[in-house]
Amino acid sequence: MGIQNGGGPGPEGLTMMVDLDKMEVVKILDTGRGIPIPKSNG
């Protein structure tokens, strides 16, 4: 379900999968280096 670039190892950064029917985040992938992800409050 990700977007691949031209010929490299894949996308770098944050990828978020969202269920649009339920309007909720299903998965968050951190494939980069040094990208902070804040803790959830719930």
PDB file of N, CA and C in Angstrom:
ATOM      1  N   MET A   1       0.813  -1.195   0.000  1.00  0.00           N
ATOM      2  CA  MET A   1       0.000   0.000   0.000  1.00  0.00           C
ATOM      3  C   MET A   1       0.853   1.254   0.000  1.00  0.00           C
ATOM      4  N   GLY A   2       2.158   1.155  -0.238  1.00  0.00           N
ATOM      5  CA  GLY A   2       3.015   2.322  -0.214  1.00  0.00           C
ATOM      6  C   GLY A   2       3.299   2.816  -1.617  1.00  0.00           C
ATOM      7  N   ILE A   3       3.948   3.928  -1.685  1.00  0.00           N
ATOM      8  CA  ILE A   3       4.354   4.505  -2.959  1.00  0.00           C
ATOM      9  C   ILE A   3       5.848   4.264  -3.096  1.00  0.00           C
ATOM     10  N   GLN A   4       6.258   3.639  -4.179  1.00  0.00           N
ATOM     11  CA  GLN A   4       7.671   3.360  -4.404  1.00  0.00           C
ATOM     12  C   GLN A   4       8.256   4.426  -5.324  1.00  0.00           C
ATOM     13  N   ASN A   5       9.521   4.768  -5.081  1.00  0.00           N
ATOM     14  CA  ASN A   5      10.172   5.736  -5.953  1.00  0.00           C
ATOM     15  C   ASN A   5      10.838   5.017  -7.121  1.00  0.00           C
ATOM     16  N   GLY A   6      11.567   5.763  -7.939  1.00  0.00           N
ATOM     17  CA  GLY A   6      12.113   5.253  -9.181  1.00  0.00           C
ATOM     18  C   GLY A   6      12.893   3.959  -9.137  1.00  0.00           C
ATOM     19  N   GLY A   7      13.809   3.748  -8.241  1.00  0.00           N
ATOM     20  CA  GLY A   7      14.578   2.519  -8.235  1.00  0.00           C
ATOM     21  C   GLY A   7      15.304   2.328  -6.930  1.00  0.00           C
ATOM     22  N   GLY A   8      15.023   3.196  -5.984  1.00  0.00           N
ATOM     23  CA  GLY A   8      15.676   3.116  -4.683  1.00  0.00           C
ATOM     24  C   GLY A   8      15.012   2.098  -3.776  1.00  0.00           C
ATOM     25  N   PRO A   9      15.384   2.122  -2.528  1.00  0.00           N
ATOM     26  CA  PRO A   9      14.872   1.148  -1.566  1.00  0.00           C
ATOM     27  C   PRO A   9      13.426   1.391  -1.151  1.00  0.00           C
ATOM     28  N   GLY A  10      12.837   2.477  -1.558  1.00  0.00           N
ATOM     29  CA  GLY A  10      11.453   2.760  -1.189  1.00  0.00           C
ATOM     30  C   GLY A  10      11.338   4.147  -0.608  1.00  0.00           C
ATOM     31  N   PRO A  11      10.137   4.512  -0.199  1.00  0.00           N
ATOM     32  CA  PRO A  11       9.931   5.859   0.331  1.00  0.00           C
ATOM     33  C   PRO A  11      10.600   6.037   1.685  1.00  0.00           C
ATOM     34  N   GLU A  12      11.072   7.230   1.946  1.00  0.00           N
ATOM     35  CA  GLU A  12      11.682   7.529   3.241  1.00  0.00           C
ATOM     36  C   GLU A  12      10.839   8.597   3.919  1.00  0.00           C
ATOM     37  N   GLY A  13      10.575   8.391   5.178  1.00  0.00           N
ATOM     38  CA  GLY A  13       9.772   9.350   5.931  1.00  0.00           C
ATOM     39  C   GLY A  13       8.627   8.650   6.626  1.00  0.00           C
ATOM     40  N   LEU A  14       7.561   9.382   6.820  1.00  0.00           N
ATOM     41  CA  LEU A  14       6.390   8.828   7.498  1.00  0.00           C
ATOM     42  C   LEU A  14       5.344   8.408   6.471  1.00  0.00           C
ATOM     43  N   THR A  15       4.813   7.216   6.644  1.00  0.00           N
ATOM     44  CA  THR A  15       3.707   6.727   5.830  1.00  0.00           C
ATOM     45  C   THR A  15       2.580   6.389   6.785  1.00  0.00           C
ATOM     46  N   MET A  16       1.397   6.901   6.508  1.00  0.00           N
ATOM     47  CA  MET A  16       0.262   6.660   7.395  1.00  0.00           C
ATOM     48  C   MET A  16      -0.860   6.015   6.594  1.00  0.00           C
ATOM     49  N   MET A  17      -1.361   4.880   7.094  1.00  0.00           N
ATOM     50  CA  MET A  17      -2.503   4.223   6.473  1.00  0.00           C
ATOM     51  C   MET A  17      -3.753   4.597   7.257  1.00  0.00           C
ATOM     52  N   VAL A  18      -4.767   5.084   6.537  1.00  0.00           N
ATOM     53  CA  VAL A  18      -5.989   5.569   7.176  1.00  0.00           C
ATOM     54  C   VAL A  18      -7.187   4.817   6.599  1.00  0.00           C
ATOM     55  N   ASP A  19      -8.057   4.332   7.476  1.00  0.00           N
ATOM     56  CA  ASP A  19      -9.328   3.734   7.066  1.00  0.00           C
ATOM     57  C   ASP A  19     -10.303   4.883   6.848  1.00  0.00           C
ATOM     58  N   LEU A  20     -10.595   5.185   5.586  1.00  0.00           N
ATOM     59  CA  LEU A  20     -11.428   6.343   5.269  1.00  0.00           C
ATOM     60  C   LEU A  20     -12.890   6.124   5.628  1.00  0.00           C
ATOM     61  N   ASP A  21     -13.330   4.872   5.691  1.00  0.00           N
ATOM     62  CA  ASP A  21     -14.713   4.603   6.097  1.00  0.00           C
ATOM     63  C   ASP A  21     -14.909   4.906   7.576  1.00  0.00           C
ATOM     64  N   LYS A  22     -13.941   4.505   8.401  1.00  0.00           N
ATOM     65  CA  LYS A  22     -14.033   4.712   9.852  1.00  0.00           C
ATOM     66  C   LYS A  22     -13.360   6.003  10.302  1.00  0.00           C
ATOM     67  N   MET A  23     -12.611   6.650   9.384  1.00  0.00           N
ATOM     68  CA  MET A  23     -11.856   7.868   9.683  1.00  0.00           C
ATOM     69  C   MET A  23     -10.921   7.659  10.871  1.00  0.00           C
ATOM     70  N   GLU A  24     -10.110   6.564  10.806  1.00  0.00           N
ATOM     71  CA  GLU A  24      -9.140   6.314  11.859  1.00  0.00           C
ATOM     72  C   GLU A  24      -7.827   5.847  11.257  1.00  0.00           C
ATOM     73  N   VAL A  25      -6.745   6.131  11.966  1.00  0.00           N
ATOM     74  CA  VAL A  25      -5.414   5.725  11.536  1.00  0.00           C
ATOM     75  C   VAL A  25      -5.250   4.237  11.814  1.00  0.00           C
ATOM     76  N   VAL A  26      -4.852   3.477  10.789  1.00  0.00           N
ATOM     77  CA  VAL A  26      -4.665   2.038  10.923  1.00  0.00           C
ATOM     78  C   VAL A  26      -3.218   1.724  11.282  1.00  0.00           C
ATOM     79  N   LYS A  27      -2.273   2.399  10.628  1.00  0.00           N
ATOM     80  CA  LYS A  27      -0.857   2.097  10.846  1.00  0.00           C
ATOM     81  C   LYS A  27      -0.015   3.317  10.525  1.00  0.00           C
ATOM     82  N   ILE A  28       1.061   3.516  11.291  1.00  0.00           N
ATOM     83  CA  ILE A  28       2.042   4.559  11.011  1.00  0.00           C
ATOM     84  C   ILE A  28       3.391   3.876  10.849  1.00  0.00           C
ATOM     85  N   LEU A  29       4.053   4.111   9.713  1.00  0.00           N
ATOM     86  CA  LEU A  29       5.365   3.539   9.445  1.00  0.00           C
ATOM     87  C   LEU A  29       6.399   4.656   9.417  1.00  0.00           C
ATOM     88  N   ASP A  30       7.481   4.484  10.157  1.00  0.00           N
ATOM     89  CA  ASP A  30       8.584   5.442  10.181  1.00  0.00           C
ATOM     90  C   ASP A  30       9.764   4.787   9.484  1.00  0.00           C
ATOM     91  N   THR A  31      10.000   5.149   8.223  1.00  0.00           N
ATOM     92  CA  THR A  31      11.080   4.532   7.462  1.00  0.00           C
ATOM     93  C   THR A  31      12.258   5.475   7.269  1.00  0.00           C
ATOM     94  N   GLY A  32      12.263   6.583   7.979  1.00  0.00           N
ATOM     95  CA  GLY A  32      13.356   7.537   7.865  1.00  0.00           C
ATOM     96  C   GLY A  32      14.236   7.505   9.090  1.00  0.00           C
ATOM     97  N   ARG A  33      15.169   8.404   9.130  1.00  0.00           N
ATOM     98  CA  ARG A  33      16.080   8.501  10.274  1.00  0.00           C
ATOM     99  C   ARG A  33      15.851   9.824  10.987  1.00  0.00           C
ATOM    100  N   GLY A  34      15.730   9.750  12.292  1.00  0.00           N
ATOM    101  CA  GLY A  34      15.636  10.970  13.084  1.00  0.00           C
ATOM    102  C   GLY A  34      14.332  11.724  12.946  1.00  0.00           C
ATOM    103  N   ILE A  35      13.260  11.028  12.610  1.00  0.00           N
ATOM    104  CA  ILE A  35      11.962  11.686  12.495  1.00  0.00           C
ATOM    105  C   ILE A  35      11.204  11.437  13.789  1.00  0.00           C
ATOM    106  N   PRO A  36      10.947  12.487  14.584  1.00  0.00           N
ATOM    107  CA  PRO A  36      10.252  12.275  15.859  1.00  0.00           C
ATOM    108  C   PRO A  36       8.763  12.011  15.645  1.00  0.00           C
ATOM    109  N   ILE A  37       8.234  11.022  16.368  1.00  0.00           N
ATOM    110  CA  ILE A  37       6.800  10.741  16.362  1.00  0.00           C
ATOM    111  C   ILE A  37       6.298  10.978  17.775  1.00  0.00           C
ATOM    112  N   PRO A  38       5.407  11.964  17.968  1.00  0.00           N
ATOM    113  CA  PRO A  38       4.920  12.255  19.322  1.00  0.00           C
ATOM    114  C   PRO A  38       4.073  11.111  19.865  1.00  0.00           C
ATOM    115  N   LYS A  39       4.104  10.970  21.193  1.00  0.00           N
ATOM    116  CA  LYS A  39       3.293   9.952  21.864  1.00  0.00           C
ATOM    117  C   LYS A  39       1.822  10.335  21.779  1.00  0.00           C
ATOM    118  N   SER A  40       0.966   9.331  21.750  1.00  0.00           N
ATOM    119  CA  SER A  40      -0.477   9.544  21.715  1.00  0.00           C
ATOM    120  C   SER A  40      -0.992   9.898  23.103  1.00  0.00           C
ATOM    121  N   ASN A  41      -2.051  10.668  23.160  1.00  0.00           N
ATOM    122  CA  ASN A  41      -2.653  11.047  24.442  1.00  0.00           C
ATOM    123  C   ASN A  41      -3.874  10.204  24.761  1.00  0.00           C
ATOM    124  N   GLY A  42      -4.091   9.128  24.063  1.00  0.00           N
ATOM    125  CA  GLY A  42      -5.297   8.353  24.313  1.00  0.00           C
ATOM    126  C   GLY A  42      -5.077   6.958  24.162  1.00  0.00           C
TER     127      GLY A  42
END
